């Protein structure tokens, strides 16, 4: 267990950040899945900018690596274009 006040605070703040990052990452994954399951092109095209924005935010906060974000955006864009 931590012995300093600052270490205790760090433990609390890390837990809050972990929970928030986990929620945002899971929400983004569900949105990506919704695009991949979309059957109509208009629906997928409408969702694409929102999901790309979510992916960019995760990469900016280092929840996912920037290269992974680029790969996801590229694959989703190609998928939507092929519908």
C-alpha atoms as a PDB file:
ATOM      1  CA  UNK A   1       0.000   0.000   0.000  1.00  0.00           C
ATOM      2  CA  UNK A   2       1.100   3.546  -0.680  1.00  0.00           C
ATOM      3  CA  UNK A   3       2.710   5.510   2.123  1.00  0.00           C
ATOM      4  CA  UNK A   4       2.404   9.074   0.817  1.00  0.00           C
ATOM      5  CA  UNK A   5      -0.625  11.289   0.316  1.00  0.00           C
ATOM      6  CA  UNK A   6       0.378  11.997  -3.276  1.00  0.00           C
ATOM      7  CA  UNK A   7       0.678   8.271  -4.009  1.00  0.00           C
ATOM      8  CA  UNK A   8      -2.797   7.651  -2.602  1.00  0.00           C
ATOM      9  CA  UNK A   9      -4.182  10.447  -4.768  1.00  0.00           C
ATOM     10  CA  UNK A  10      -2.396   9.008  -7.801  1.00  0.00           C
ATOM     11  CA  UNK A  11      -4.031   5.617  -7.157  1.00  0.00           C
ATOM     12  CA  UNK A  12      -7.467   7.252  -7.004  1.00  0.00           C
ATOM     13  CA  UNK A  13      -6.956   9.345 -10.133  1.00  0.00           C
ATOM     14  CA  UNK A  14      -5.505   6.409 -12.099  1.00  0.00           C
ATOM     15  CA  UNK A  15      -8.573   4.322 -11.269  1.00  0.00           C
ATOM     16  CA  UNK A  16     -10.917   7.071 -12.480  1.00  0.00           C
ATOM     17  CA  UNK A  17      -8.948   7.454 -15.720  1.00  0.00           C
ATOM     18  CA  UNK A  18      -8.858   3.678 -16.245  1.00  0.00           C
ATOM     19  CA  UNK A  19     -12.626   3.372 -15.927  1.00  0.00           C
ATOM     20  CA  UNK A  20     -13.257   6.323 -18.270  1.00  0.00           C
ATOM     21  CA  UNK A  21     -10.771   5.026 -20.871  1.00  0.00           C
ATOM     22  CA  UNK A  22     -12.336   1.564 -20.701  1.00  0.00           C
ATOM     23  CA  UNK A  23     -15.824   3.024 -21.238  1.00  0.00           C
ATOM     24  CA  UNK A  24     -14.750   5.178 -24.185  1.00  0.00           C
ATOM     25  CA  UNK A  25     -12.795   2.330 -25.804  1.00  0.00           C
ATOM     26  CA  UNK A  26     -15.715  -0.088 -25.482  1.00  0.00           C
ATOM     27  CA  UNK A  27     -18.148   2.512 -26.864  1.00  0.00           C
ATOM     28  CA  UNK A  28     -15.895   3.054 -29.873  1.00  0.00           C
ATOM     29  CA  UNK A  29     -15.586  -0.676 -30.517  1.00  0.00           C
ATOM     30  CA  UNK A  30     -19.375  -1.015 -30.431  1.00  0.00           C
ATOM     31  CA  UNK A  31     -19.716   1.873 -32.908  1.00  0.00           C
ATOM     32  CA  UNK A  32     -17.174   0.225 -35.230  1.00  0.00           C
ATOM     33  CA  UNK A  33     -19.129  -3.016 -35.036  1.00  0.00           C
ATOM     34  CA  UNK A  34     -22.345  -1.140 -35.882  1.00  0.00           C
ATOM     35  CA  UNK A  35     -20.730   0.224 -39.063  1.00  0.00           C
ATOM     36  CA  UNK A  36     -19.459  -3.218 -40.064  1.00  0.00           C
ATOM     37  CA  UNK A  37     -22.926  -4.712 -39.566  1.00  0.00           C
ATOM     38  CA  UNK A  38     -24.652  -1.923 -41.501  1.00  0.00           C
ATOM     39  CA  UNK A  39     -26.344  -3.127 -44.662  1.00  0.00           C
ATOM     40  CA  UNK A  40     -27.332   0.223 -46.149  1.00  0.00           C
ATOM     41  CA  UNK A  41     -24.635   2.507 -47.502  1.00  0.00           C
ATOM     42  CA  UNK A  42     -26.412   5.707 -46.431  1.00  0.00           C
ATOM     43  CA  UNK A  43     -26.526   4.494 -42.835  1.00  0.00           C
ATOM     44  CA  UNK A  44     -22.835   3.576 -42.810  1.00  0.00           C
ATOM     45  CA  UNK A  45     -21.809   6.858 -44.472  1.00  0.00           C
ATOM     46  CA  UNK A  46     -23.740   8.799 -41.825  1.00  0.00           C
ATOM     47  CA  UNK A  47     -22.031   6.943 -38.959  1.00  0.00           C
ATOM     48  CA  UNK A  48     -18.493   7.074 -40.382  1.00  0.00           C
ATOM     49  CA  UNK A  49     -17.514  10.667 -39.370  1.00  0.00           C
ATOM     50  CA  UNK A  50     -18.727  10.098 -35.811  1.00  0.00           C
ATOM     51  CA  UNK A  51     -16.709   6.892 -35.449  1.00  0.00           C
ATOM     52  CA  UNK A  52     -13.607   8.444 -37.009  1.00  0.00           C
ATOM     53  CA  UNK A  53     -13.860  11.278 -34.487  1.00  0.00           C
ATOM     54  CA  UNK A  54     -14.133   8.760 -31.639  1.00  0.00           C
ATOM     55  CA  UNK A  55     -11.063   6.892 -32.905  1.00  0.00           C
ATOM     56  CA  UNK A  56      -9.082  10.143 -33.174  1.00  0.00           C
ATOM     57  CA  UNK A  57      -9.956  11.065 -29.587  1.00  0.00           C
ATOM     58  CA  UNK A  58      -8.765   7.668 -28.321  1.00  0.00           C
ATOM     59  CA  UNK A  59      -5.486   8.058 -30.203  1.00  0.00           C
ATOM     60  CA  UNK A  60      -5.000  11.594 -28.907  1.00  0.00           C
ATOM     61  CA  UNK A  61      -5.379  10.362 -25.319  1.00  0.00           C
ATOM     62  CA  UNK A  62      -3.044   7.394 -25.984  1.00  0.00           C
ATOM     63  CA  UNK A  63      -5.768   4.871 -25.235  1.00  0.00           C
ATOM     64  CA  UNK A  64      -4.900   3.293 -28.590  1.00  0.00           C
ATOM     65  CA  UNK A  65      -1.763   3.743 -30.657  1.00  0.00           C
ATOM     66  CA  UNK A  66      -1.880   6.306 -33.444  1.00  0.00           C
ATOM     67  CA  UNK A  67      -0.959   3.675 -36.055  1.00  0.00           C
ATOM     68  CA  UNK A  68      -3.836   1.474 -34.914  1.00  0.00           C
ATOM     69  CA  UNK A  69      -6.156   4.459 -35.221  1.00  0.00           C
ATOM     70  CA  UNK A  70      -4.957   5.078 -38.766  1.00  0.00           C
ATOM     71  CA  UNK A  71      -5.430   1.414 -39.678  1.00  0.00           C
ATOM     72  CA  UNK A  72      -8.948   1.361 -38.241  1.00  0.00           C
ATOM     73  CA  UNK A  73      -9.962   4.536 -40.065  1.00  0.00           C
ATOM     74  CA  UNK A  74      -8.522   3.284 -43.337  1.00  0.00           C
ATOM     75  CA  UNK A  75     -10.224  -0.105 -43.130  1.00  0.00           C
ATOM     76  CA  UNK A  76     -13.568   1.426 -42.144  1.00  0.00           C
ATOM     77  CA  UNK A  77     -13.404   3.952 -44.980  1.00  0.00           C
ATOM     78  CA  UNK A  78     -12.602   1.238 -47.502  1.00  0.00           C
ATOM     79  CA  UNK A  79     -15.405  -0.925 -46.122  1.00  0.00           C
ATOM     80  CA  UNK A  80     -17.991   1.859 -46.359  1.00  0.00           C
ATOM     81  CA  UNK A  81     -16.864   2.663 -49.905  1.00  0.00           C
ATOM     82  CA  UNK A  82     -17.287  -0.991 -50.926  1.00  0.00           C
ATOM     83  CA  UNK A  83     -20.880  -1.339 -49.675  1.00  0.00           C
END
